[in-house]
Amino acid sequence: MRGNTGTIHQNRRTGRTESGKTRRGGGIFAVFAFLAGAIAVYKRIPLTNRIGDNGNAYFGMAYDTWLFFFLLCGYAMQTVVSRMTAVRCAKGQYRNTRRVWNAALLYTAVSGIVGTAAMLLLADTLAGGLFRTQAAAVAIRCMAPAVFVTALSGALRGYFQGMGSMVPTTLSRLAEEVVGLAFLSVLVSGFGSYGKKVGALLFQPDYEQAFGAAGAALAFLAGSLISLLLLVVLYILFQGSFRRRERKDAGRGMEGYRRIGRLIAGAALPVMLTGFAMQGSFILDQILFFRLMPSGADTVARWGIYTGKYRILAGIPALFAAAACSGLLPSLSASYTGMNHSRTREKAFLMLKVSLAVSLPFAVFFAITADRLIPALFTAGDMETAARLLRLGCASIVLQALAVAVSCILQGLERERLLLGSAAISLVIHVILVYVLIHGLEGGIEGVIYAVTALYAVFVILGMVCVLRSVSLKGDWGRLIGIPVIASAVMGLVVFLMNRFLSSVLAGGILCLLCFAVGLILYVLLMLSMHGFSQRELKSMAGGGVFLSLGRLLRLY
């Protein structure tokens, strides 16, 4: 009995140790994912200051065109390869795993080459015919090879994830953003200077911004190439251990390449459709805006303000929410698969709580400081319009973060069809609203903001209905909503008073930084003092241990 008891206690200690390692590992991955996203957001600020609103519009056209072809040619492969690899590795079928990878590599390479060729050949047609802005063609061409590169990177990331390792994915994404940032200033400045000279000869003043956007596209391509090279090196280093596993595989039940190809195509289609439904609004908004608005420099500049200033800042809370929810997603999936219903409800409820607690203070801060924050961050272009858009989009900021949480919950509950349906219905309503607001009511770029807000609102409502049909979310909804609202309101009042009475004493940039620091400290203290998150919730969140230690230090827990 004593021996058995000792063994049980040892197993419990081992389980707690492994659980702690998993949480720490998930926390590290979440931190790296956030760093990569933060760099992606930050590098748009110096880019905007260098190429202005028009250049931002050209880069936005190139980026969204790449996104369309990537969704079509490579977006699904990371998920598909990950799932198919994980299933066969779990059964010890390493030779079939190799066959899956060979088929996926061929599929990805062919589709990536086709997508790149199509984007290169259609650059002039897309720029002049679809966007009615011929100067964007050079940036679209420079972005085209990224379709092939990112498709291959996605397949490699899926391969490693299927093997049970998130390290290559995390490191490659961080390396991609770091290298892209390093190349950005050099390529944008060099290409911008060349474009200025060409524009002077051809009497085309917007060539400087267009070629600067092309330099930014090449910086994006450089980061993607380094990421791919890193993944290839890790793949080569990993092959020794994988071949040893292959030799132990008896080879029974070998799958034919024709069957594997059908499985890949069948699994890729719903993932691709979900990607279009979730991210298609960016592409459609751009097309509809340029088709419905009068052609001219003012239309291009307004789209540049939207994509290069508003969308960058408005996406920051969603970035935080995505990092937090991604860290919770594996435990939610494991709880659901293990039929642990109480744990599943707890994790799903926590995702909603985190997204709301992160997005509300940002929305309040942006609404109060928009007039000073925009000039503090950007030095080129129309500041007044950007500040107005940021204030108009405050509701969209909160809804976008909630949409991230709802999407992660549905993925964790394995409700991909419901996710696809909710996203598709939301997208259809959104497109109708964009057309009505721009063409019928002449809402301009503000109409796009309202339509995007409606998009996220409809998706959150439909998604929550699907979540509640799948799992009963029992929790204190009053505290989930009430505590962040109270803390954000108090923080907003303090920031408003600081912004009001210190504006004549401090410069705009220093004042915004001071308001942010004071507001952040105050909000965190209020959330801890009102127990916005329990100790159990903080322990399960990436980085939550820091806030728990602070709460204990201040005797709030």
Protein backbone atom coordinates (compact mmCIF):
# COMPACT_ATOMS: atom_id res chain seq x y z
CA MET A 1 0.00 0.00 0.00
CA ARG A 2 2.77 2.38 0.88
CA GLY A 3 4.53 1.64 -2.37
CA ASN A 4 1.34 2.23 -4.36
CA THR A 5 0.63 5.44 -2.48
CA GLY A 6 4.14 6.66 -3.18
CA THR A 7 3.71 5.86 -6.83
CA ILE A 8 0.42 7.74 -6.95
CA HIS A 9 1.96 10.79 -5.29
CA GLN A 10 4.92 10.60 -7.67
CA ASN A 11 2.58 10.42 -10.68
CA ARG A 12 0.65 13.42 -9.40
CA ARG A 13 3.85 15.38 -8.95
CA THR A 14 4.98 14.35 -12.43
CA GLY A 15 1.59 15.35 -13.89
CA ARG A 16 1.77 18.73 -12.19
CA THR A 17 5.33 19.20 -13.46
CA GLU A 18 4.34 18.33 -17.04
CA SER A 19 1.29 20.59 -16.79
CA GLY A 20 3.47 23.41 -15.54
CA LYS A 21 5.93 22.86 -18.37
CA THR A 22 3.06 22.90 -20.88
CA ARG A 23 1.74 26.18 -19.49
CA ARG A 24 5.21 27.71 -19.49
CA GLY A 25 5.79 26.50 -23.04
CA GLY A 26 2.42 27.87 -24.15
CA GLY A 27 3.24 31.14 -22.41
CA ILE A 28 6.56 31.43 -24.25
CA PHE A 29 4.89 30.69 -27.59
CA ALA A 30 2.20 33.28 -26.85
CA VAL A 31 4.85 35.87 -26.00
CA PHE A 32 6.77 35.15 -29.21
CA ALA A 33 3.55 35.30 -31.23
CA PHE A 34 2.72 38.63 -29.67
CA LEU A 35 6.23 39.97 -30.38
CA ALA A 36 5.91 38.96 -34.03
CA GLY A 37 2.52 40.66 -34.26
CA ALA A 38 3.79 43.77 -32.46
CA ILE A 39 6.68 44.10 -34.91
CA ALA A 40 4.25 43.67 -37.82
CA VAL A 41 2.17 46.53 -36.43
CA TYR A 42 5.12 48.76 -35.55
CA LYS A 43 6.81 48.59 -38.94
CA ARG A 44 3.74 50.08 -40.61
CA ILE A 45 4.31 53.34 -38.69
CA PRO A 46 7.73 54.23 -40.22
CA LEU A 47 6.45 52.91 -43.55
CA THR A 48 3.51 55.33 -43.44
CA ASN A 49 5.79 58.20 -42.47
CA ARG A 50 8.01 57.43 -45.45
CA ILE A 51 5.49 56.78 -48.25
CA GLY A 52 2.43 58.72 -47.00
CA ASP A 53 -1.24 57.90 -47.40
CA ASN A 54 -1.04 57.28 -51.16
CA GLY A 55 1.89 54.90 -50.75
CA ASN A 56 -0.01 53.09 -48.01
CA ALA A 57 -2.90 52.59 -50.40
CA TYR A 58 -0.57 51.09 -53.03
CA PHE A 59 0.98 48.76 -50.47
CA GLY A 60 -2.50 47.83 -49.22
CA MET A 61 -3.55 46.91 -52.76
CA ALA A 62 -0.48 44.71 -53.18
CA TYR A 63 -0.88 43.08 -49.77
CA ASP A 64 -4.57 42.32 -50.17
CA THR A 65 -3.94 40.95 -53.67
CA TRP A 66 -1.28 38.65 -52.18
CA LEU A 67 -3.77 37.67 -49.48
CA PHE A 68 -6.33 36.67 -52.10
CA PHE A 69 -3.91 34.41 -53.99
CA PHE A 70 -2.46 33.04 -50.77
CA LEU A 71 -5.92 32.10 -49.53
CA LEU A 72 -6.51 30.39 -52.86
CA CYS A 73 -3.16 28.61 -53.20
CA GLY A 74 -1.55 28.01 -49.80
CA TYR A 75 -3.59 29.14 -46.81
CA ALA A 76 -5.15 25.74 -46.09
CA MET A 77 -1.94 23.70 -46.22
CA GLN A 78 -0.71 24.51 -42.71
CA THR A 79 -3.92 23.21 -41.15
CA VAL A 80 -4.33 20.26 -43.53
CA VAL A 81 -0.73 19.02 -43.25
CA SER A 82 -0.80 19.45 -39.48
CA ARG A 83 -3.96 17.35 -39.07
CA MET A 84 -3.01 14.60 -41.52
CA THR A 85 0.51 14.32 -40.10
CA ALA A 86 -0.69 14.23 -36.48
CA VAL A 87 -3.19 11.44 -37.20
CA ARG A 88 -0.60 9.18 -38.85
CA CYS A 89 2.13 9.89 -36.31
CA ALA A 90 -0.26 9.01 -33.50
CA LYS A 91 -0.71 5.57 -35.14
CA GLY A 92 3.02 5.13 -35.75
CA GLN A 93 2.53 5.27 -39.54
CA TYR A 94 5.69 7.22 -40.34
CA ARG A 95 5.97 5.98 -43.92
CA ASN A 96 2.46 7.20 -44.61
CA THR A 97 3.45 10.46 -42.94
CA ARG A 98 6.30 10.74 -45.44
CA ARG A 99 3.89 10.10 -48.30
CA VAL A 100 1.51 12.76 -47.00
CA TRP A 101 4.37 15.24 -46.84
CA ASN A 102 5.57 14.39 -50.38
CA ALA A 103 2.06 14.84 -51.77
CA ALA A 104 1.49 18.05 -49.82
CA LEU A 105 4.83 19.47 -50.97
CA LEU A 106 3.99 18.81 -54.62
CA TYR A 107 0.47 20.23 -54.21
CA THR A 108 1.78 23.36 -52.45
CA ALA A 109 4.64 23.95 -54.89
CA VAL A 110 2.41 23.66 -57.97
CA SER A 111 -0.38 25.84 -56.53
CA GLY A 112 2.16 28.38 -55.25
CA ILE A 113 3.83 28.66 -58.65
CA VAL A 114 0.43 29.04 -60.38
CA GLY A 115 -0.62 31.72 -57.88
CA THR A 116 2.61 33.64 -58.29
CA ALA A 117 2.43 33.48 -62.09
CA ALA A 118 -1.20 34.61 -62.09
CA MET A 119 -0.45 37.53 -59.79
CA LEU A 120 2.48 38.61 -61.98
CA LEU A 121 0.53 38.36 -65.22
CA LEU A 122 -2.58 40.06 -63.84
CA ALA A 123 -0.78 42.91 -62.04
CA ASP A 124 -1.62 45.56 -64.65
CA THR A 125 -5.19 44.34 -65.03
CA LEU A 126 -5.79 44.29 -61.28
CA ALA A 127 -4.19 47.69 -60.67
CA GLY A 128 -5.73 49.53 -63.60
CA GLY A 129 -8.98 47.66 -64.11
CA LEU A 130 -10.05 46.49 -60.66
CA PHE A 131 -8.50 49.17 -58.41
CA ARG A 132 -8.38 51.90 -61.08
CA THR A 133 -4.90 52.85 -59.80
CA GLN A 134 -2.25 51.85 -62.33
CA ALA A 135 0.65 52.97 -60.10
CA ALA A 136 -0.01 50.03 -57.76
CA ALA A 137 1.08 47.51 -60.41
CA VAL A 138 4.78 47.66 -59.51
CA ALA A 139 4.06 46.85 -55.84
CA ILE A 140 1.76 43.98 -56.85
CA ARG A 141 4.50 42.47 -59.02
CA CYS A 142 7.07 42.73 -56.22
CA MET A 143 4.67 41.01 -53.82
CA ALA A 144 3.81 38.17 -56.22
CA PRO A 145 6.70 35.74 -55.38
CA ALA A 146 5.56 35.82 -51.75
CA VAL A 147 2.57 33.63 -52.72
CA PHE A 148 4.89 30.71 -53.50
CA VAL A 149 7.21 31.36 -50.54
CA THR A 150 4.50 31.72 -47.90
CA ALA A 151 2.61 28.69 -49.23
CA LEU A 152 5.70 26.51 -48.75
CA SER A 153 6.32 28.02 -45.31
CA GLY A 154 2.76 27.19 -44.29
CA ALA A 155 3.16 23.56 -45.37
CA LEU A 156 6.42 23.22 -43.40
CA ARG A 157 4.85 24.78 -40.31
CA GLY A 158 1.98 22.35 -40.58
CA TYR A 159 4.44 19.45 -40.84
CA PHE A 160 6.22 20.43 -37.63
CA GLN A 161 2.95 21.10 -35.82
CA GLY A 162 1.71 17.68 -36.82
CA MET A 163 4.89 16.24 -35.31
CA GLY A 164 3.98 17.97 -32.05
CA SER A 165 6.39 20.93 -32.14
CA MET A 166 5.38 24.60 -32.23
CA VAL A 167 8.98 25.83 -31.96
CA PRO A 168 9.67 26.08 -35.74
CA THR A 169 6.40 27.93 -36.36
CA THR A 170 7.04 30.41 -33.56
CA LEU A 171 10.69 31.05 -34.43
CA SER A 172 10.04 31.36 -38.17
CA ARG A 173 7.26 33.91 -37.70
CA LEU A 174 9.39 35.99 -35.36
CA ALA A 175 12.35 35.80 -37.76
CA GLU A 176 10.08 36.81 -40.64
CA GLU A 177 8.99 40.02 -38.92
CA VAL A 178 12.45 40.92 -37.61
CA VAL A 179 14.06 40.51 -41.03
CA GLY A 180 11.19 42.36 -42.71
CA LEU A 181 11.67 45.28 -40.32
CA ALA A 182 15.44 45.29 -40.92
CA PHE A 183 15.02 45.43 -44.71
CA LEU A 184 12.11 47.86 -44.66
CA SER A 185 13.82 51.22 -44.27
CA VAL A 186 16.63 50.39 -46.73
CA LEU A 187 14.38 49.08 -49.51
CA VAL A 188 11.65 51.70 -49.08
CA SER A 189 14.16 54.56 -49.12
CA GLY A 190 16.12 53.13 -52.05
CA PHE A 191 13.11 52.35 -54.21
CA GLY A 192 11.38 55.59 -53.22
CA SER A 193 14.38 57.64 -54.34
CA TYR A 194 14.52 55.76 -57.62
CA GLY A 195 10.79 56.26 -58.14
CA LYS A 196 11.17 59.99 -57.49
CA LYS A 197 13.73 60.25 -60.28
CA VAL A 198 11.61 58.22 -62.70
CA GLY A 199 8.53 60.23 -61.77
CA ALA A 200 10.36 63.49 -62.45
CA LEU A 201 11.29 62.30 -65.94
CA LEU A 202 7.78 61.02 -66.71
CA PHE A 203 5.96 63.83 -64.87
CA GLN A 204 4.37 61.30 -62.48
CA PRO A 205 4.65 62.71 -58.92
CA ASP A 206 3.10 59.61 -57.29
CA TYR A 207 5.89 57.32 -58.52
CA GLU A 208 7.92 57.98 -55.38
CA GLN A 209 5.15 56.58 -53.18
CA ALA A 210 4.42 53.73 -55.62
CA PHE A 211 8.04 52.58 -55.74
CA GLY A 212 8.34 53.04 -51.98
CA ALA A 213 5.40 50.66 -51.60
CA ALA A 214 7.21 48.26 -53.94
CA GLY A 215 10.23 48.41 -51.60
CA ALA A 216 7.94 47.55 -48.68
CA ALA A 217 6.60 44.58 -50.69
CA LEU A 218 10.17 43.37 -51.28
CA ALA A 219 10.90 43.72 -47.54
CA PHE A 220 7.87 41.51 -46.89
CA LEU A 221 9.21 39.01 -49.43
CA ALA A 222 12.69 39.08 -47.82
CA GLY A 223 11.22 38.27 -44.40
CA SER A 224 9.18 35.44 -45.91
CA LEU A 225 12.27 34.00 -47.62
CA ILE A 226 14.32 34.01 -44.41
CA SER A 227 11.43 32.35 -42.60
CA LEU A 228 11.27 29.64 -45.29
CA LEU A 229 15.05 29.08 -45.18
CA LEU A 230 14.92 28.70 -41.39
CA LEU A 231 12.13 26.13 -41.69
CA VAL A 232 14.06 24.23 -44.39
CA VAL A 233 17.17 24.08 -42.18
CA LEU A 234 15.14 22.81 -39.23
CA TYR A 235 13.46 20.26 -41.51
CA ILE A 236 16.84 18.93 -42.69
CA LEU A 237 18.13 18.70 -39.11
CA PHE A 238 14.98 16.82 -38.10
CA GLN A 239 15.23 14.18 -40.83
CA GLY A 240 17.73 11.98 -38.99
CA SER A 241 15.40 11.26 -36.09
CA PHE A 242 12.40 10.91 -38.40
CA ARG A 243 14.12 8.32 -40.60
CA ARG A 244 14.90 6.26 -37.51
CA ARG A 245 11.17 6.25 -36.78
CA GLU A 246 10.46 5.28 -40.40
CA ARG A 247 12.69 2.22 -40.13
CA LYS A 248 10.64 0.99 -37.17
CA ASP A 249 7.42 1.27 -39.23
CA ALA A 250 6.42 -2.15 -40.54
CA GLY A 251 4.83 -0.53 -43.57
CA ARG A 252 1.43 -2.13 -43.23
CA GLY A 253 -1.51 -0.29 -44.72
CA MET A 254 0.52 1.89 -47.05
CA GLU A 255 -1.61 4.64 -48.59
CA GLY A 256 -1.50 5.39 -52.27
CA TYR A 257 -0.63 8.86 -53.51
CA ARG A 258 -3.92 9.13 -55.38
CA ARG A 259 -5.89 8.58 -52.17
CA ILE A 260 -3.68 11.01 -50.23
CA GLY A 261 -4.16 13.63 -52.96
CA ARG A 262 -7.94 13.30 -52.74
CA LEU A 263 -7.77 13.60 -48.94
CA ILE A 264 -5.61 16.74 -49.16
CA ALA A 265 -7.93 18.37 -51.70
CA GLY A 266 -11.03 17.45 -49.71
CA ALA A 267 -9.58 18.73 -46.43
CA ALA A 268 -8.20 21.92 -48.01
CA LEU A 269 -11.50 23.10 -49.53
CA PRO A 270 -13.43 23.84 -46.29
CA VAL A 271 -10.36 25.46 -44.71
CA MET A 272 -9.89 27.64 -47.78
CA LEU A 273 -13.57 28.63 -47.80
CA THR A 274 -13.38 29.50 -44.10
CA GLY A 275 -10.33 31.64 -44.79
CA PHE A 276 -12.15 33.51 -47.54
CA ALA A 277 -15.19 34.00 -45.32
CA MET A 278 -13.10 35.24 -42.38
CA GLN A 279 -10.65 37.47 -44.27
CA GLY A 280 -12.43 38.15 -47.54
CA SER A 281 -13.82 41.43 -46.22
CA PHE A 282 -10.40 43.11 -46.56
CA ILE A 283 -10.21 42.24 -50.25
CA LEU A 284 -13.84 42.98 -51.07
CA ASP A 285 -13.82 46.29 -49.19
CA GLN A 286 -10.89 47.48 -51.27
CA ILE A 287 -12.45 46.44 -54.58
CA LEU A 288 -15.85 47.93 -53.77
CA PHE A 289 -14.37 51.16 -52.44
CA PHE A 290 -12.34 51.86 -55.57
CA ARG A 291 -15.14 50.77 -57.88
CA LEU A 292 -17.85 52.84 -56.17
CA MET A 293 -15.86 55.97 -55.30
CA PRO A 294 -14.76 58.55 -57.90
CA SER A 295 -11.29 57.76 -59.21
CA GLY A 296 -8.58 60.19 -58.17
CA ALA A 297 -5.82 60.98 -55.71
CA ASP A 298 -8.26 61.82 -52.91
CA THR A 299 -9.87 58.36 -53.08
CA VAL A 300 -6.45 56.69 -53.03
CA ALA A 301 -5.35 58.82 -50.06
CA ARG A 302 -8.49 58.03 -48.07
CA TRP A 303 -7.99 54.32 -48.57
CA GLY A 304 -4.35 54.75 -47.50
CA ILE A 305 -5.52 56.45 -44.29
CA TYR A 306 -7.88 53.58 -43.60
CA THR A 307 -5.49 50.72 -44.32
CA GLY A 308 -2.26 52.31 -43.08
CA LYS A 309 -3.40 54.22 -40.00
CA TYR A 310 -6.83 53.18 -38.78
CA ARG A 311 -6.61 49.46 -39.51
CA ILE A 312 -3.15 49.16 -37.95
CA LEU A 313 -4.15 50.76 -34.65
CA ALA A 314 -7.60 49.17 -34.54
CA GLY A 315 -6.05 45.72 -34.90
CA ILE A 316 -3.80 46.00 -31.81
CA PRO A 317 -6.42 44.77 -29.28
CA ALA A 318 -7.29 41.87 -31.58
CA LEU A 319 -3.58 41.02 -31.64
CA PHE A 320 -3.53 40.76 -27.84
CA ALA A 321 -6.76 38.74 -27.87
CA ALA A 322 -5.45 36.37 -30.54
CA ALA A 323 -2.21 35.74 -28.61
CA ALA A 324 -4.14 35.03 -25.38
CA CYS A 325 -6.82 32.87 -27.00
CA SER A 326 -4.27 30.91 -29.06
CA GLY A 327 -2.50 30.05 -25.82
CA LEU A 328 -5.77 28.75 -24.36
CA LEU A 329 -6.90 26.92 -27.52
CA PRO A 330 -4.91 23.66 -26.96
CA SER A 331 -6.31 23.23 -23.44
CA LEU A 332 -9.84 23.98 -24.68
CA SER A 333 -9.48 21.36 -27.44
CA ALA A 334 -8.05 18.83 -25.00
CA SER A 335 -10.85 19.44 -22.49
CA TYR A 336 -13.52 19.08 -25.17
CA THR A 337 -11.96 15.93 -26.63
CA GLY A 338 -11.62 14.46 -23.13
CA MET A 339 -15.32 15.13 -22.41
CA ASN A 340 -14.39 17.43 -19.52
CA HIS A 341 -17.42 19.70 -19.89
CA SER A 342 -16.78 21.92 -16.86
CA ARG A 343 -13.21 22.62 -17.97
CA THR A 344 -14.41 23.27 -21.53
CA ARG A 345 -16.94 25.85 -20.31
CA GLU A 346 -14.29 27.47 -18.11
CA LYS A 347 -11.81 27.88 -20.97
CA ALA A 348 -14.40 29.18 -23.43
CA PHE A 349 -15.70 31.67 -20.86
CA LEU A 350 -12.13 32.77 -20.12
CA MET A 351 -11.49 33.50 -23.81
CA LEU A 352 -14.46 35.85 -23.93
CA LYS A 353 -13.40 37.49 -20.68
CA VAL A 354 -9.83 38.09 -21.88
CA SER A 355 -10.90 39.55 -25.23
CA LEU A 356 -13.31 41.98 -23.58
CA ALA A 357 -10.87 42.94 -20.83
CA VAL A 358 -8.17 43.69 -23.41
CA SER A 359 -10.22 45.54 -26.03
CA LEU A 360 -12.38 47.83 -23.87
CA PRO A 361 -9.56 49.95 -22.39
CA PHE A 362 -7.93 50.29 -25.81
CA ALA A 363 -11.19 51.48 -27.35
CA VAL A 364 -11.67 54.05 -24.57
CA PHE A 365 -8.05 55.23 -24.84
CA PHE A 366 -8.26 55.60 -28.63
CA ALA A 367 -11.56 57.50 -28.41
CA ILE A 368 -10.14 60.03 -25.94
CA THR A 369 -6.62 60.53 -27.32
CA ALA A 370 -7.19 60.06 -31.08
CA ASP A 371 -6.59 63.74 -31.94
CA ARG A 372 -3.16 63.70 -30.26
CA LEU A 373 -2.21 60.06 -30.73
CA ILE A 374 -2.35 60.06 -34.54
CA PRO A 375 0.04 63.07 -34.97
CA ALA A 376 2.31 61.60 -32.30
CA LEU A 377 2.72 58.33 -34.23
CA PHE A 378 2.54 59.53 -37.83
CA THR A 379 4.25 62.47 -39.49
CA ALA A 380 2.81 62.24 -43.01
CA GLY A 381 -0.68 62.44 -44.48
CA ASP A 382 -4.10 63.51 -43.27
CA MET A 383 -4.21 63.36 -39.44
CA GLU A 384 -7.72 64.72 -38.93
CA THR A 385 -9.42 62.05 -41.03
CA ALA A 386 -7.38 59.29 -39.38
CA ALA A 387 -8.35 60.52 -35.89
CA ARG A 388 -12.01 60.68 -36.88
CA LEU A 389 -11.91 57.12 -38.24
CA LEU A 390 -10.26 55.88 -35.05
CA ARG A 391 -13.04 57.39 -32.94
CA LEU A 392 -15.75 56.01 -35.23
CA GLY A 393 -14.25 52.54 -35.07
CA CYS A 394 -14.15 52.17 -31.28
CA ALA A 395 -17.10 49.76 -31.25
CA SER A 396 -15.51 47.78 -34.07
CA ILE A 397 -12.30 47.43 -32.02
CA VAL A 398 -14.16 45.68 -29.19
CA LEU A 399 -16.24 43.53 -31.55
CA GLN A 400 -13.17 42.46 -33.52
CA ALA A 401 -11.47 41.16 -30.36
CA LEU A 402 -14.67 39.32 -29.38
CA ALA A 403 -14.83 37.86 -32.89
CA VAL A 404 -11.32 36.46 -32.40
CA ALA A 405 -12.42 34.79 -29.16
CA VAL A 406 -15.60 33.35 -30.69
CA SER A 407 -13.62 32.01 -33.66
CA CYS A 408 -11.09 30.30 -31.35
CA ILE A 409 -13.89 28.79 -29.25
CA LEU A 410 -15.61 27.32 -32.31
CA GLN A 411 -12.28 25.90 -33.53
CA GLY A 412 -11.61 24.37 -30.11
CA LEU A 413 -15.09 22.83 -30.11
CA GLU A 414 -14.46 21.40 -33.60
CA ARG A 415 -17.36 23.37 -35.07
CA GLU A 416 -15.65 24.43 -38.30
CA ARG A 417 -18.88 24.23 -40.32
CA LEU A 418 -20.67 26.54 -37.91
CA LEU A 419 -17.67 28.87 -38.03
CA LEU A 420 -17.76 28.88 -41.82
CA GLY A 421 -21.51 29.50 -41.89
CA SER A 422 -21.36 32.37 -39.40
CA ALA A 423 -18.47 34.00 -41.25
CA ALA A 424 -20.14 33.59 -44.67
CA ILE A 425 -23.46 35.11 -43.54
CA SER A 426 -21.62 38.00 -41.89
CA LEU A 427 -19.59 38.60 -45.04
CA VAL A 428 -22.67 38.70 -47.29
CA ILE A 429 -24.40 41.23 -45.01
CA HIS A 430 -21.20 43.24 -44.85
CA VAL A 431 -20.84 43.44 -48.64
CA ILE A 432 -24.46 44.60 -48.98
CA LEU A 433 -23.88 47.30 -46.35
CA VAL A 434 -20.69 48.50 -48.02
CA TYR A 435 -22.52 48.89 -51.32
CA VAL A 436 -25.48 50.71 -49.74
CA LEU A 437 -23.37 52.99 -47.53
CA ILE A 438 -20.90 54.00 -50.25
CA HIS A 439 -23.06 53.98 -53.37
CA GLY A 440 -26.49 54.75 -51.97
CA LEU A 441 -25.75 56.99 -48.98
CA GLU A 442 -22.35 58.31 -50.16
CA GLY A 443 -20.78 57.40 -46.83
CA GLY A 444 -17.24 57.25 -48.23
CA ILE A 445 -14.51 55.69 -46.10
CA GLU A 446 -16.67 56.22 -43.00
CA GLY A 447 -19.21 53.87 -44.59
CA VAL A 448 -16.55 51.15 -44.68
CA ILE A 449 -16.01 51.61 -40.92
CA TYR A 450 -19.74 51.23 -40.22
CA ALA A 451 -19.96 48.16 -42.45
CA VAL A 452 -16.94 46.55 -40.76
CA THR A 453 -18.54 47.20 -37.35
CA ALA A 454 -21.69 45.46 -38.56
CA LEU A 455 -19.61 42.57 -39.91
CA TYR A 456 -18.05 41.84 -36.52
CA ALA A 457 -21.32 42.41 -34.67
CA VAL A 458 -23.22 39.90 -36.83
CA PHE A 459 -20.41 37.37 -36.61
CA VAL A 460 -20.20 37.65 -32.80
CA ILE A 461 -23.98 37.22 -32.46
CA LEU A 462 -24.16 34.23 -34.83
CA GLY A 463 -21.00 32.72 -33.40
CA MET A 464 -22.23 33.02 -29.82
CA VAL A 465 -25.49 31.32 -30.78
CA CYS A 466 -23.45 28.44 -32.23
CA VAL A 467 -21.23 28.29 -29.12
CA LEU A 468 -24.20 28.25 -26.76
CA ARG A 469 -25.80 25.46 -28.81
CA SER A 470 -22.59 23.44 -28.49
CA VAL A 471 -21.72 24.06 -24.84
CA SER A 472 -23.50 25.73 -21.93
CA LEU A 473 -21.43 28.73 -20.87
CA LYS A 474 -22.28 29.00 -17.21
CA GLY A 475 -20.51 31.93 -15.61
CA ASP A 476 -20.90 35.28 -14.00
CA TRP A 477 -21.80 37.33 -17.07
CA GLY A 478 -22.37 40.42 -14.96
CA ARG A 479 -18.78 40.35 -13.71
CA LEU A 480 -17.47 39.47 -17.17
CA ILE A 481 -18.99 42.64 -18.63
CA GLY A 482 -19.36 44.89 -15.60
CA ILE A 483 -15.84 44.81 -14.17
CA PRO A 484 -14.02 45.73 -17.44
CA VAL A 485 -16.65 48.42 -18.13
CA ILE A 486 -16.19 50.00 -14.68
CA ALA A 487 -12.40 49.78 -14.82
CA SER A 488 -12.34 51.22 -18.37
CA ALA A 489 -14.71 54.04 -17.40
CA VAL A 490 -12.58 55.08 -14.42
CA MET A 491 -9.42 54.82 -16.49
CA GLY A 492 -11.06 56.84 -19.28
CA LEU A 493 -12.07 59.61 -16.88
CA VAL A 494 -8.51 59.93 -15.57
CA VAL A 495 -7.04 59.90 -19.10
CA PHE A 496 -9.59 62.49 -20.23
CA LEU A 497 -8.68 64.84 -17.35
CA MET A 498 -4.96 64.39 -18.02
CA ASN A 499 -5.50 65.01 -21.72
CA ARG A 500 -7.57 68.09 -20.94
CA PHE A 501 -5.39 69.84 -18.35
CA LEU A 502 -1.87 68.78 -19.37
CA SER A 503 -2.16 69.47 -23.10
CA SER A 504 -0.82 73.00 -22.70
CA VAL A 505 2.16 71.81 -20.65
CA LEU A 506 3.35 68.65 -22.41
CA ALA A 507 4.01 67.81 -26.05
CA GLY A 508 1.51 65.55 -27.77
CA GLY A 509 3.75 62.46 -27.92
CA ILE A 510 4.86 62.71 -24.29
CA LEU A 511 1.29 63.34 -23.14
CA CYS A 512 -0.02 60.28 -25.00
CA LEU A 513 2.75 58.12 -23.56
CA LEU A 514 2.04 59.41 -20.05
CA CYS A 515 -1.71 58.88 -20.46
CA PHE A 516 -1.14 55.36 -21.70
CA ALA A 517 1.20 54.48 -18.82
CA VAL A 518 -1.05 55.93 -16.13
CA GLY A 519 -4.17 54.46 -17.74
CA LEU A 520 -2.57 51.00 -18.00
CA ILE A 521 -1.42 50.97 -14.38
CA LEU A 522 -4.78 52.21 -13.13
CA TYR A 523 -6.73 49.71 -15.24
CA VAL A 524 -4.63 46.76 -14.08
CA LEU A 525 -4.96 47.79 -10.43
CA LEU A 526 -8.72 48.20 -10.77
CA MET A 527 -9.10 44.81 -12.46
CA LEU A 528 -7.03 43.13 -9.75
CA SER A 529 -8.80 44.90 -6.88
CA MET A 530 -12.23 43.90 -8.24
CA HIS A 531 -11.00 40.36 -8.96
CA GLY A 532 -11.75 40.59 -12.67
CA PHE A 533 -9.86 37.30 -13.03
CA SER A 534 -9.64 34.53 -10.46
CA GLN A 535 -6.33 33.03 -9.36
CA ARG A 536 -7.13 29.87 -11.31
CA GLU A 537 -7.78 31.89 -14.47
CA LEU A 538 -4.58 33.90 -14.12
CA LYS A 539 -2.55 30.72 -13.65
CA SER A 540 -3.92 29.23 -16.87
CA MET A 541 -3.23 32.34 -18.98
CA ALA A 542 0.04 33.13 -20.73
CA GLY A 543 1.68 35.86 -18.64
CA GLY A 544 -1.07 35.67 -16.03
CA GLY A 545 1.44 34.69 -13.36
CA VAL A 546 2.90 38.20 -13.48
CA PHE A 547 -0.47 39.78 -12.65
CA LEU A 548 -1.12 37.15 -9.99
CA SER A 549 2.21 37.92 -8.31
CA LEU A 550 1.42 41.63 -8.45
CA GLY A 551 -2.00 41.02 -6.91
CA ARG A 552 -0.49 38.97 -4.10
CA LEU A 553 2.19 41.58 -3.51
CA LEU A 554 -0.51 44.24 -3.11
CA ARG A 555 -2.57 41.83 -0.95
CA LEU A 556 -5.42 41.86 -3.48
CA TYR A 557 -5.49 38.04 -3.74
